[in-house]
Amino acid sequence: MSRPSGHRTVIAVGGVVRSGDGIVLVRLTYSRHRGKFMFPGGKVDPGESLEAALVREVREEAGIEAEPEGIVAVRHRVDPGELNTFVIFEMRHLSGQPRVVSPEADKVEVFSAADLRRTPDRFVSLVPEIALPVLDGTYTRLARNDEFAPSPYGPDTFRVYGPSGRTAPGPE
């Protein structure tokens, strides 16, 4: 089926960035979700890999360095004039203190599972839905398979994420 003229496709990424016993979230200053906390992330630029976009967006929105560990969810939405796909990764916090560094967010905080349960209206509804299983250790992560890249592709131009055969470890 062909797309109607003027219809666009958007691919975006977000990170469930673990920091201690919680996750890093940014309070949005734009969109219908203005004033709500969301995963740091954003649109993938043309020619950019999902992982590169994710690392860049987390740095630009939360002021930290983090490493993607695997995909925990994909949100797919069809709006009038737009097909929007949001790939959500679990990430490991490497360095830096979460802080406001972008006009897209006016606050950056670390939230625990208890925080998400206690005040769910502070968050974009997708956040508790995705983050609680990650924080509780009750999810299965799609892991990156670096062993598979069919010719003529290589590890920088081809990625497969799939079941790793194990459930991700829960909090210790």
Protein backbone atom coordinates (compact mmCIF):
# COMPACT_ATOMS: atom_id res chain seq x y z
CA MET A 1 0.00 0.00 0.00
CA SER A 2 1.44 3.39 -0.94
CA ARG A 3 1.70 6.31 1.44
CA PRO A 4 -0.43 9.35 0.80
CA SER A 5 1.44 12.37 -0.51
CA GLY A 6 2.76 14.50 2.36
CA HIS A 7 2.78 11.60 4.82
CA ARG A 8 6.08 11.35 6.67
CA THR A 9 7.90 8.65 8.58
CA VAL A 10 9.64 9.49 11.86
CA ILE A 11 11.99 7.17 13.72
CA ALA A 12 12.97 8.17 17.23
CA VAL A 13 14.82 6.58 20.14
CA GLY A 14 14.61 6.83 23.90
CA GLY A 15 16.69 5.52 26.76
CA VAL A 16 15.71 3.85 30.01
CA VAL A 17 18.96 5.00 31.59
CA ARG A 18 19.68 3.13 34.82
CA SER A 19 21.31 5.23 37.51
CA GLY A 20 21.65 3.57 40.90
CA ASP A 21 18.24 2.10 41.81
CA GLY A 22 16.37 4.39 39.43
CA ILE A 23 16.17 5.78 35.93
CA VAL A 24 16.97 9.20 34.48
CA LEU A 25 13.98 11.12 33.11
CA VAL A 26 13.62 14.61 31.61
CA ARG A 27 10.64 16.95 32.07
CA LEU A 28 9.50 18.08 28.63
CA THR A 29 9.03 21.73 27.68
CA TYR A 30 7.18 21.03 24.42
CA SER A 31 4.42 18.92 22.85
CA ARG A 32 1.15 17.75 24.35
CA HIS A 33 3.30 16.16 27.09
CA ARG A 34 4.77 19.49 28.25
CA GLY A 35 5.44 19.35 32.01
CA LYS A 36 5.57 15.52 32.13
CA PHE A 37 8.68 13.39 32.60
CA MET A 38 9.83 11.22 29.69
CA PHE A 39 12.78 9.09 28.67
CA PRO A 40 15.59 11.20 27.22
CA GLY A 41 15.69 10.73 23.47
CA GLY A 42 14.65 12.10 20.13
CA LYS A 43 14.63 11.75 16.38
CA VAL A 44 17.17 9.73 14.43
CA ASP A 45 18.93 11.92 11.87
CA PRO A 46 19.26 10.70 8.25
CA GLY A 47 22.18 8.28 7.98
CA GLU A 48 22.51 7.94 11.77
CA SER A 49 22.29 4.57 13.52
CA LEU A 50 19.74 4.04 16.29
CA GLU A 51 22.52 3.64 18.85
CA ALA A 52 24.41 6.77 17.75
CA ALA A 53 21.21 8.82 17.84
CA LEU A 54 20.38 7.48 21.30
CA VAL A 55 23.81 8.26 22.79
CA ARG A 56 23.69 11.76 21.23
CA GLU A 57 20.13 12.49 22.40
CA VAL A 58 20.78 11.32 25.98
CA ARG A 59 23.89 13.51 26.12
CA GLU A 60 21.99 16.50 24.63
CA GLU A 61 18.94 16.16 26.90
CA ALA A 62 20.30 14.81 30.19
CA GLY A 63 23.99 15.80 30.13
CA ILE A 64 25.26 12.26 30.72
CA GLU A 65 27.11 9.55 28.87
CA ALA A 66 25.26 6.24 28.64
CA GLU A 67 25.66 3.01 26.71
CA PRO A 68 22.83 1.10 24.98
CA GLU A 69 22.45 -2.47 26.28
CA GLY A 70 19.45 -3.70 24.34
CA ILE A 71 15.94 -2.89 23.16
CA VAL A 72 13.20 -3.11 25.78
CA ALA A 73 10.22 -1.84 23.75
CA VAL A 74 9.04 -0.42 20.46
CA ARG A 75 6.15 2.05 20.33
CA HIS A 76 4.53 2.39 16.92
CA ARG A 77 1.93 5.09 16.25
CA VAL A 78 0.02 6.13 13.14
CA ASP A 79 -1.08 9.76 13.22
CA PRO A 80 -2.75 11.76 10.46
CA GLY A 81 0.12 12.55 8.10
CA GLU A 82 2.75 10.68 10.11
CA LEU A 83 3.98 7.19 10.89
CA ASN A 84 5.96 7.42 14.15
CA THR A 85 8.15 4.64 15.54
CA PHE A 86 9.92 5.00 18.90
CA VAL A 87 12.57 2.40 19.80
CA ILE A 88 13.28 2.28 23.55
CA PHE A 89 16.62 0.96 24.77
CA GLU A 90 17.85 0.03 28.21
CA MET A 91 21.04 1.97 28.88
CA ARG A 92 23.84 1.87 31.41
CA HIS A 93 24.89 5.22 32.88
CA LEU A 94 28.62 5.65 32.27
CA SER A 95 29.46 9.14 33.50
CA GLY A 96 28.21 12.60 34.30
CA GLN A 97 25.56 13.94 36.63
CA PRO A 98 22.06 14.22 35.17
CA ARG A 99 21.34 17.90 34.55
CA VAL A 100 19.40 20.27 32.30
CA VAL A 101 21.41 20.98 29.15
CA SER A 102 18.70 21.48 26.54
CA PRO A 103 15.76 23.83 26.06
CA GLU A 104 13.67 20.69 25.40
CA ALA A 105 13.74 19.85 29.13
CA ASP A 106 13.50 22.06 32.19
CA LYS A 107 14.27 19.39 34.78
CA VAL A 108 16.28 16.13 34.87
CA GLU A 109 15.78 13.70 37.76
CA VAL A 110 16.37 10.10 38.77
CA PHE A 111 13.18 8.21 39.70
CA SER A 112 12.77 4.87 41.48
CA ALA A 113 10.08 2.29 40.80
CA ALA A 114 8.31 3.53 43.95
CA ASP A 115 8.28 7.09 42.52
CA LEU A 116 6.72 5.85 39.27
CA ARG A 117 4.02 3.98 41.18
CA ARG A 118 3.34 6.75 43.72
CA THR A 119 2.79 9.62 41.25
CA PRO A 120 2.12 8.16 37.78
CA ASP A 121 0.45 11.37 36.57
CA ARG A 122 3.86 13.13 36.60
CA PHE A 123 5.03 10.95 33.71
CA VAL A 124 4.11 10.40 30.07
CA SER A 125 1.97 7.25 30.37
CA LEU A 126 4.49 5.19 28.40
CA VAL A 127 7.15 5.71 31.10
CA PRO A 128 5.72 3.53 33.91
CA GLU A 129 4.50 0.99 31.34
CA ILE A 130 8.04 0.43 30.05
CA ALA A 131 10.25 1.43 33.00
CA LEU A 132 8.60 -0.54 35.82
CA PRO A 133 9.33 -3.97 34.31
CA VAL A 134 12.93 -2.83 33.70
CA LEU A 135 13.34 -1.58 37.26
CA ASP A 136 11.59 -4.67 38.68
CA GLY A 137 13.67 -7.05 36.51
CA THR A 138 10.58 -8.67 34.98
CA TYR A 139 11.29 -7.99 31.30
CA THR A 140 13.15 -9.64 28.45
CA ARG A 141 15.65 -7.48 26.60
CA LEU A 142 16.31 -7.87 22.89
CA ALA A 143 20.09 -8.11 22.77
CA ARG A 144 22.35 -6.95 19.95
CA ASN A 145 23.85 -9.80 17.96
CA ASP A 146 27.27 -8.58 16.80
CA GLU A 147 28.06 -11.95 15.23
CA PHE A 148 25.58 -11.57 12.37
CA ALA A 149 26.07 -9.09 9.54
CA PRO A 150 25.41 -10.56 6.09
CA SER A 151 27.57 -9.47 3.17
CA PRO A 152 28.04 -6.71 2.03
CA TYR A 153 27.23 -5.20 5.45
CA GLY A 154 29.38 -4.95 8.54
CA PRO A 155 28.79 -4.28 12.23
CA ASP A 156 28.59 -0.51 11.63
CA THR A 157 25.91 -0.80 8.94
CA PHE A 158 23.79 -3.79 9.98
CA ARG A 159 22.24 -4.62 13.36
CA VAL A 160 20.03 -7.44 14.53
CA TYR A 161 18.42 -7.38 17.97
CA GLY A 162 16.79 -10.55 19.15
CA PRO A 163 16.08 -12.74 22.16
CA SER A 164 19.22 -13.48 24.05
CA GLY A 165 17.70 -16.65 25.46
CA ARG A 166 17.62 -15.23 28.97
CA THR A 167 15.67 -12.73 30.98
CA ALA A 168 17.64 -9.67 31.95
CA PRO A 169 18.87 -9.76 35.55
CA GLY A 170 16.74 -8.02 38.14
CA PRO A 171 17.91 -5.44 40.62
CA GLU A 172 20.36 -6.73 43.19
